[in-house]
Amino acid sequence: MELNNRNSFGIGKGELIEIIYEHSLPMRLDRWLVSKRPEQSRARIQSFINSGLVLVNYKTAKAKTPLKNGDNVQIWMPPPEPLAYLQPEKMNLNILFEDEHIIVINKQSGLIVHPAPGHKSGTLVNGLLFHCPDLPGINGKLRPGIVHRLDKDTSGCMVIAKSQEALVNLQIQIKQKIASREYIAVIHGAPHASEGKVVGHIGRDKLNRLKYKVVDENSGKYACTYWKLTKRLGNYSLMTFKLDTGRTHQIRVHSAHMNHPILGDPLYGRCKKLPCKLEGQALHAFKLGLIHPIHGEEMVFEAELPIEFQKLLKVIDVNSN
């Protein structure tokens, strides 16, 4: 329900959501709310709780409050923060598919997905705001319509939601592993087996806050990556990767953990002369599978390799013979 006057929370305009917890087993408040409001990040849900915007049985609750069957949960959702300072920018988007609900693009290497400190312009979001004037109302501040992201120097398939309904549906598909994401990469060296998987919790590197690393399971987030050796190319190998989870820098971190970092990776790679010019890492999201969030049909998209990546493969293939 939309409320414009002050209420039991002592707050003005916003949305009051009231839900009854109907489960026989108890669950932490924050975890349950994330499952009920997948369009909100866990950090944002926890910030609502810490700010007193969530009540359980009409009393202020904590993130770890255990919910029991029949508990009344109220959450006050403040209006989305304005995107006024984000300016739409005309941008040449490589659109693979578009309808009134979603856009699928082949993101170019070097393009930052969403604004961050020091990068309030020139991002994919700026380009999307120009292309889709209605996008600011979806998913609130900074990341309107963004379902998942690719690192700045990773190219390939991305899907963007054009409505809140499509956004929630696609986020659930990724969380429940209904959507699939496959990548192609060139790595240093060659693994001993033809295929396998890496299971390793990922957390920040305490020595370099820009980096992530495989850490103890108690200090990081569970991450699983499947890999397959496609072709040995002399000192390098062409690989395909499939994400089971979607942690920040996951493929790059797991490749480095295998002692086979991705060629050209500025954070996790080896400081060796490259076979040819390459901006960033040789990592490309070449395939994206999903179910259309509104119509329900299965869809598979493939993004052509960047010209720079194609040249790299030709050079190392020739040198390997």
Protein backbone atom coordinates (compact mmCIF):
# COMPACT_ATOMS: atom_id res chain seq x y z
CA MET A 1 0.00 0.00 0.00
CA GLU A 2 1.16 3.55 -0.75
CA LEU A 3 1.14 5.93 2.21
CA ASN A 4 1.65 9.67 1.94
CA ASN A 5 1.19 10.65 5.56
CA ARG A 6 3.15 9.84 8.67
CA ASN A 7 2.52 6.39 10.19
CA SER A 8 3.67 4.07 12.98
CA PHE A 9 7.22 4.28 11.61
CA GLY A 10 7.18 8.07 11.95
CA ILE A 11 8.09 8.43 8.28
CA GLY A 12 6.34 10.14 5.39
CA LYS A 13 5.80 9.01 1.81
CA GLY A 14 6.79 5.45 0.92
CA GLU A 15 5.42 1.93 0.66
CA LEU A 16 4.34 -0.21 3.62
CA ILE A 17 4.54 -3.96 2.97
CA GLU A 18 2.94 -6.37 5.41
CA ILE A 19 3.62 -10.12 5.20
CA ILE A 20 2.74 -13.06 7.45
CA TYR A 21 5.52 -15.61 8.01
CA GLU A 22 3.98 -19.02 7.24
CA HIS A 23 6.64 -21.68 7.83
CA SER A 24 6.95 -24.37 10.47
CA LEU A 25 10.71 -23.85 10.83
CA PRO A 26 12.21 -20.57 12.08
CA MET A 27 14.34 -18.38 9.80
CA ARG A 28 16.43 -15.25 10.29
CA LEU A 29 14.51 -12.10 9.43
CA ASP A 30 17.09 -10.74 6.95
CA ARG A 31 17.39 -14.02 5.02
CA TRP A 32 13.64 -14.38 4.73
CA LEU A 33 13.13 -10.79 3.56
CA VAL A 34 15.80 -11.23 0.87
CA SER A 35 13.89 -14.28 -0.40
CA LYS A 36 10.64 -12.29 -0.41
CA ARG A 37 12.10 -9.13 -1.97
CA PRO A 38 14.68 -10.39 -4.49
CA GLU A 39 14.82 -7.01 -6.23
CA GLN A 40 16.58 -5.66 -3.11
CA SER A 41 20.14 -6.60 -2.20
CA ARG A 42 20.81 -8.26 1.15
CA ALA A 43 22.86 -5.22 2.19
CA ARG A 44 19.92 -2.90 1.45
CA ILE A 45 17.51 -5.14 3.38
CA GLN A 46 19.87 -5.13 6.34
CA SER A 47 20.16 -1.35 6.15
CA PHE A 48 16.34 -1.13 6.33
CA ILE A 49 16.36 -3.36 9.42
CA ASN A 50 19.20 -1.43 11.09
CA SER A 51 17.35 1.84 10.41
CA GLY A 52 14.25 0.59 12.22
CA LEU A 53 12.19 0.25 9.04
CA VAL A 54 11.20 -3.36 9.75
CA LEU A 55 8.81 -4.45 12.50
CA VAL A 56 8.02 -7.98 13.68
CA ASN A 57 4.71 -8.17 15.52
CA TYR A 58 4.75 -4.34 15.58
CA LYS A 59 8.10 -4.17 17.38
CA THR A 60 11.51 -3.11 16.03
CA ALA A 61 13.51 -6.19 14.99
CA LYS A 62 17.11 -7.13 14.29
CA ALA A 63 18.58 -8.88 11.25
CA LYS A 64 19.07 -12.11 13.21
CA THR A 65 15.59 -12.07 14.76
CA PRO A 66 14.15 -15.59 14.27
CA LEU A 67 10.73 -15.62 12.65
CA LYS A 68 8.07 -18.05 13.88
CA ASN A 69 4.96 -19.29 12.08
CA GLY A 70 2.30 -16.59 12.13
CA ASP A 71 4.61 -13.65 12.82
CA ASN A 72 3.51 -10.35 11.30
CA VAL A 73 6.32 -8.60 9.42
CA GLN A 74 6.06 -4.99 8.26
CA ILE A 75 8.70 -3.33 6.11
CA TRP A 76 8.65 0.35 5.19
CA MET A 77 10.13 0.88 1.72
CA PRO A 78 11.26 4.49 1.21
CA PRO A 79 10.85 5.91 -2.30
CA PRO A 80 13.72 5.11 -4.71
CA GLU A 81 16.57 7.60 -4.45
CA PRO A 82 16.60 10.02 -7.38
CA LEU A 83 18.81 9.43 -10.39
CA ALA A 84 18.70 13.09 -11.38
CA TYR A 85 22.48 13.54 -11.38
CA LEU A 86 22.94 10.61 -13.77
CA GLN A 87 22.77 12.03 -17.24
CA PRO A 88 21.53 10.00 -20.22
CA GLU A 89 24.30 9.69 -22.81
CA LYS A 90 23.96 8.65 -26.43
CA MET A 91 25.91 5.44 -26.81
CA ASN A 92 26.41 2.84 -29.53
CA LEU A 93 24.87 -0.21 -27.86
CA ASN A 94 25.33 -3.58 -29.57
CA ILE A 95 21.78 -4.86 -29.05
CA LEU A 96 21.22 -8.58 -29.64
CA PHE A 97 17.53 -8.55 -28.71
CA GLU A 98 14.98 -6.08 -27.43
CA ASP A 99 11.27 -6.00 -26.70
CA GLU A 100 9.14 -4.04 -24.24
CA HIS A 101 10.38 -6.13 -21.30
CA ILE A 102 14.11 -6.83 -21.74
CA ILE A 103 17.23 -5.81 -23.64
CA VAL A 104 20.11 -8.20 -24.34
CA ILE A 105 23.38 -6.57 -25.36
CA ASN A 106 26.91 -7.55 -26.30
CA LYS A 107 28.86 -5.29 -23.95
CA GLN A 108 32.17 -4.05 -25.26
CA SER A 109 35.38 -4.37 -23.25
CA GLY A 110 36.32 -1.19 -21.39
CA LEU A 111 32.74 -0.20 -20.58
CA ILE A 112 31.83 0.10 -16.88
CA VAL A 113 28.33 -1.25 -16.19
CA HIS A 114 27.02 1.13 -13.53
CA PRO A 115 28.16 4.38 -11.90
CA ALA A 116 30.55 4.31 -8.96
CA PRO A 117 32.70 6.89 -7.18
CA GLY A 118 34.79 8.57 -9.87
CA HIS A 119 32.67 7.12 -12.68
CA LYS A 120 29.36 8.97 -12.88
CA SER A 121 29.38 9.18 -16.66
CA GLY A 122 30.34 7.02 -19.60
CA THR A 123 28.82 3.88 -18.06
CA LEU A 124 26.41 1.40 -19.58
CA VAL A 125 23.68 2.78 -17.31
CA ASN A 126 24.18 6.25 -18.81
CA GLY A 127 23.72 4.76 -22.27
CA LEU A 128 20.67 2.76 -21.18
CA LEU A 129 19.03 5.86 -19.68
CA PHE A 130 19.29 7.53 -23.10
CA HIS A 131 17.98 4.44 -24.89
CA CYS A 132 15.15 3.72 -22.39
CA PRO A 133 13.69 6.87 -20.81
CA ASP A 134 11.50 4.82 -18.42
CA LEU A 135 14.43 2.90 -16.90
CA PRO A 136 15.04 5.16 -13.82
CA GLY A 137 12.00 3.74 -12.02
CA ILE A 138 13.41 0.21 -12.01
CA ASN A 139 15.56 -1.01 -9.10
CA GLY A 140 16.25 2.39 -7.56
CA LYS A 141 19.57 4.16 -7.34
CA LEU A 142 22.56 3.66 -9.67
CA ARG A 143 21.61 0.28 -11.15
CA PRO A 144 18.28 0.72 -12.97
CA GLY A 145 17.36 -2.50 -14.77
CA ILE A 146 20.71 -4.18 -14.11
CA VAL A 147 20.13 -7.89 -13.47
CA HIS A 148 23.77 -8.99 -13.40
CA ARG A 149 27.05 -7.34 -14.30
CA LEU A 150 30.26 -7.88 -16.21
CA ASP A 151 33.63 -6.47 -15.18
CA LYS A 152 34.79 -3.38 -17.04
CA ASP A 153 37.22 -5.29 -19.28
CA THR A 154 35.01 -8.35 -19.78
CA SER A 155 32.87 -8.28 -22.91
CA GLY A 156 29.77 -10.21 -23.89
CA CYS A 157 26.12 -11.01 -23.18
CA MET A 158 24.14 -9.07 -20.61
CA VAL A 159 20.39 -8.88 -20.05
CA ILE A 160 18.77 -5.70 -18.74
CA ALA A 161 15.20 -5.51 -17.43
CA LYS A 162 12.86 -2.79 -18.66
CA SER A 163 10.24 -3.34 -15.95
CA GLN A 164 10.23 -4.21 -12.25
CA GLU A 165 8.35 -7.45 -12.98
CA ALA A 166 10.99 -8.55 -15.49
CA LEU A 167 13.80 -7.58 -13.11
CA VAL A 168 12.48 -9.66 -10.21
CA ASN A 169 11.83 -12.67 -12.46
CA LEU A 170 15.32 -12.58 -14.00
CA GLN A 171 17.00 -12.16 -10.62
CA ILE A 172 15.17 -15.25 -9.41
CA GLN A 173 16.28 -17.15 -12.52
CA ILE A 174 19.91 -16.34 -11.78
CA LYS A 175 19.57 -17.14 -8.08
CA GLN A 176 17.87 -20.48 -8.80
CA LYS A 177 20.32 -21.30 -11.63
CA ILE A 178 17.59 -21.30 -14.27
CA ALA A 179 19.51 -18.72 -16.30
CA SER A 180 22.90 -19.92 -17.61
CA ARG A 181 26.03 -17.91 -18.36
CA GLU A 182 28.96 -19.28 -20.35
CA TYR A 183 32.30 -17.62 -21.01
CA ILE A 184 35.26 -18.17 -23.31
CA ALA A 185 38.78 -17.25 -22.19
CA VAL A 186 42.46 -17.68 -22.93
CA ILE A 187 44.55 -18.78 -19.95
CA HIS A 188 48.26 -19.20 -19.27
CA GLY A 189 49.41 -22.81 -19.49
CA ALA A 190 47.10 -25.82 -19.66
CA PRO A 191 45.25 -27.82 -17.00
CA HIS A 192 46.06 -31.53 -16.71
CA ALA A 193 42.45 -32.65 -17.19
CA SER A 194 40.06 -31.85 -20.03
CA GLU A 195 37.33 -30.52 -17.73
CA GLY A 196 36.54 -29.96 -14.07
CA LYS A 197 35.27 -27.47 -11.56
CA VAL A 198 36.67 -25.08 -8.98
CA VAL A 199 34.90 -24.77 -5.63
CA GLY A 200 36.38 -22.05 -3.48
CA HIS A 201 34.88 -19.38 -1.26
CA ILE A 202 35.74 -15.88 -2.47
CA GLY A 203 36.52 -12.86 -0.30
CA ARG A 204 38.50 -9.63 -0.50
CA ASP A 205 42.27 -9.78 -0.49
CA LYS A 206 43.34 -8.05 2.74
CA LEU A 207 46.60 -6.89 1.11
CA ASN A 208 44.88 -5.32 -1.91
CA ARG A 209 41.28 -4.13 -1.55
CA LEU A 210 40.85 -4.07 -5.33
CA LYS A 211 41.39 -7.82 -5.51
CA TYR A 212 39.54 -10.92 -4.40
CA LYS A 213 40.94 -14.34 -3.56
CA VAL A 214 39.94 -17.85 -2.54
CA VAL A 215 39.56 -17.75 1.24
CA ASP A 216 38.43 -19.89 4.15
CA GLU A 217 34.73 -20.77 3.93
CA ASN A 218 34.04 -18.84 7.13
CA SER A 219 35.33 -15.56 5.66
CA GLY A 220 34.06 -15.62 2.09
CA LYS A 221 31.09 -16.44 -0.13
CA TYR A 222 30.64 -19.88 -1.67
CA ALA A 223 31.61 -19.94 -5.36
CA CYS A 224 31.63 -22.70 -7.96
CA THR A 225 32.90 -22.52 -11.55
CA TYR A 226 32.81 -25.30 -14.16
CA TRP A 227 35.52 -25.30 -16.82
CA LYS A 228 36.37 -27.18 -20.01
CA LEU A 229 39.58 -27.21 -22.03
CA THR A 230 38.68 -26.40 -25.63
CA LYS A 231 42.13 -26.26 -27.27
CA ARG A 232 45.79 -26.12 -26.26
CA LEU A 233 47.59 -23.24 -27.95
CA GLY A 234 51.30 -23.52 -27.16
CA ASN A 235 51.89 -21.67 -23.89
CA TYR A 236 48.18 -20.91 -23.61
CA SER A 237 44.82 -22.66 -23.67
CA LEU A 238 41.38 -21.77 -24.94
CA MET A 239 38.82 -22.48 -22.22
CA THR A 240 35.09 -22.31 -21.64
CA PHE A 241 33.69 -21.52 -18.20
CA LYS A 242 30.17 -21.89 -16.84
CA LEU A 243 29.09 -20.08 -13.69
CA ASP A 244 27.25 -21.96 -10.99
CA THR A 245 27.41 -18.87 -8.76
CA GLY A 246 28.09 -15.25 -9.67
CA ARG A 247 30.65 -13.69 -7.35
CA THR A 248 32.69 -10.60 -8.17
CA HIS A 249 35.68 -11.51 -10.41
CA GLN A 250 34.75 -15.20 -9.95
CA ILE A 251 36.23 -16.68 -13.13
CA ARG A 252 39.32 -14.50 -12.87
CA VAL A 253 39.91 -15.47 -9.23
CA HIS A 254 39.29 -19.18 -9.80
CA SER A 255 41.54 -19.24 -12.87
CA ALA A 256 44.36 -17.65 -10.88
CA HIS A 257 43.69 -20.11 -8.05
CA MET A 258 44.21 -22.96 -10.57
CA ASN A 259 47.58 -21.34 -11.38
CA HIS A 260 46.26 -20.63 -14.87
CA PRO A 261 45.33 -16.93 -14.80
CA ILE A 262 43.52 -15.35 -17.71
CA LEU A 263 45.75 -13.76 -20.32
CA GLY A 264 45.96 -9.98 -20.00
CA ASP A 265 44.27 -9.82 -16.60
CA PRO A 266 45.62 -6.64 -14.96
CA LEU A 267 44.82 -7.81 -11.40
CA TYR A 268 45.33 -11.56 -11.40
CA GLY A 269 47.44 -12.21 -14.50
CA ARG A 270 51.12 -12.77 -15.08
CA CYS A 271 53.29 -9.80 -15.99
CA LYS A 272 54.50 -11.15 -19.32
CA LYS A 273 54.60 -9.62 -22.77
CA LEU A 274 51.33 -10.29 -24.53
CA PRO A 275 51.25 -12.03 -27.92
CA CYS A 276 49.40 -9.03 -29.34
CA LYS A 277 47.63 -5.89 -28.18
CA LEU A 278 44.87 -6.64 -25.70
CA GLU A 279 42.88 -4.21 -23.57
CA GLY A 280 42.14 -6.01 -20.31
CA GLN A 281 41.65 -9.74 -19.88
CA ALA A 282 40.84 -12.26 -22.62
CA LEU A 283 37.43 -13.12 -21.15
CA HIS A 284 34.15 -12.95 -23.05
CA ALA A 285 30.60 -13.90 -22.00
CA PHE A 286 29.68 -15.65 -25.23
CA LYS A 287 26.37 -17.33 -24.29
CA LEU A 288 23.37 -16.42 -22.14
CA GLY A 289 20.37 -18.68 -21.63
CA LEU A 290 17.17 -17.59 -19.91
CA ILE A 291 13.41 -17.90 -19.88
CA HIS A 292 11.61 -14.80 -21.04
CA PRO A 293 10.37 -13.21 -17.79
CA ILE A 294 6.92 -12.41 -19.16
CA HIS A 295 6.19 -14.72 -22.10
CA GLY A 296 7.90 -17.81 -20.68
CA GLU A 297 9.76 -19.08 -23.76
CA GLU A 298 13.31 -20.41 -23.52
CA MET A 299 15.86 -18.06 -25.12
CA VAL A 300 19.56 -18.44 -25.88
CA PHE A 301 21.78 -15.57 -27.00
CA GLU A 302 25.33 -15.68 -28.31
CA ALA A 303 27.67 -12.70 -28.54
CA GLU A 304 30.34 -12.58 -31.24
CA LEU A 305 33.93 -12.38 -30.02
CA PRO A 306 35.45 -8.88 -30.13
CA ILE A 307 37.79 -8.31 -33.10
CA GLU A 308 40.70 -7.89 -30.67
CA PHE A 309 39.96 -11.32 -29.16
CA GLN A 310 39.70 -12.92 -32.63
CA LYS A 311 43.11 -11.50 -33.58
CA LEU A 312 44.60 -12.85 -30.35
CA LEU A 313 43.37 -16.37 -31.13
CA LYS A 314 44.82 -16.23 -34.64
CA VAL A 315 48.22 -15.05 -33.38
CA ILE A 316 48.62 -17.64 -30.62
CA ASP A 317 47.24 -20.40 -32.87
CA VAL A 318 49.86 -19.62 -35.52
CA ASN A 319 52.64 -19.38 -32.94
CA SER A 320 51.66 -22.72 -31.40
CA ASN A 321 52.22 -24.63 -34.67
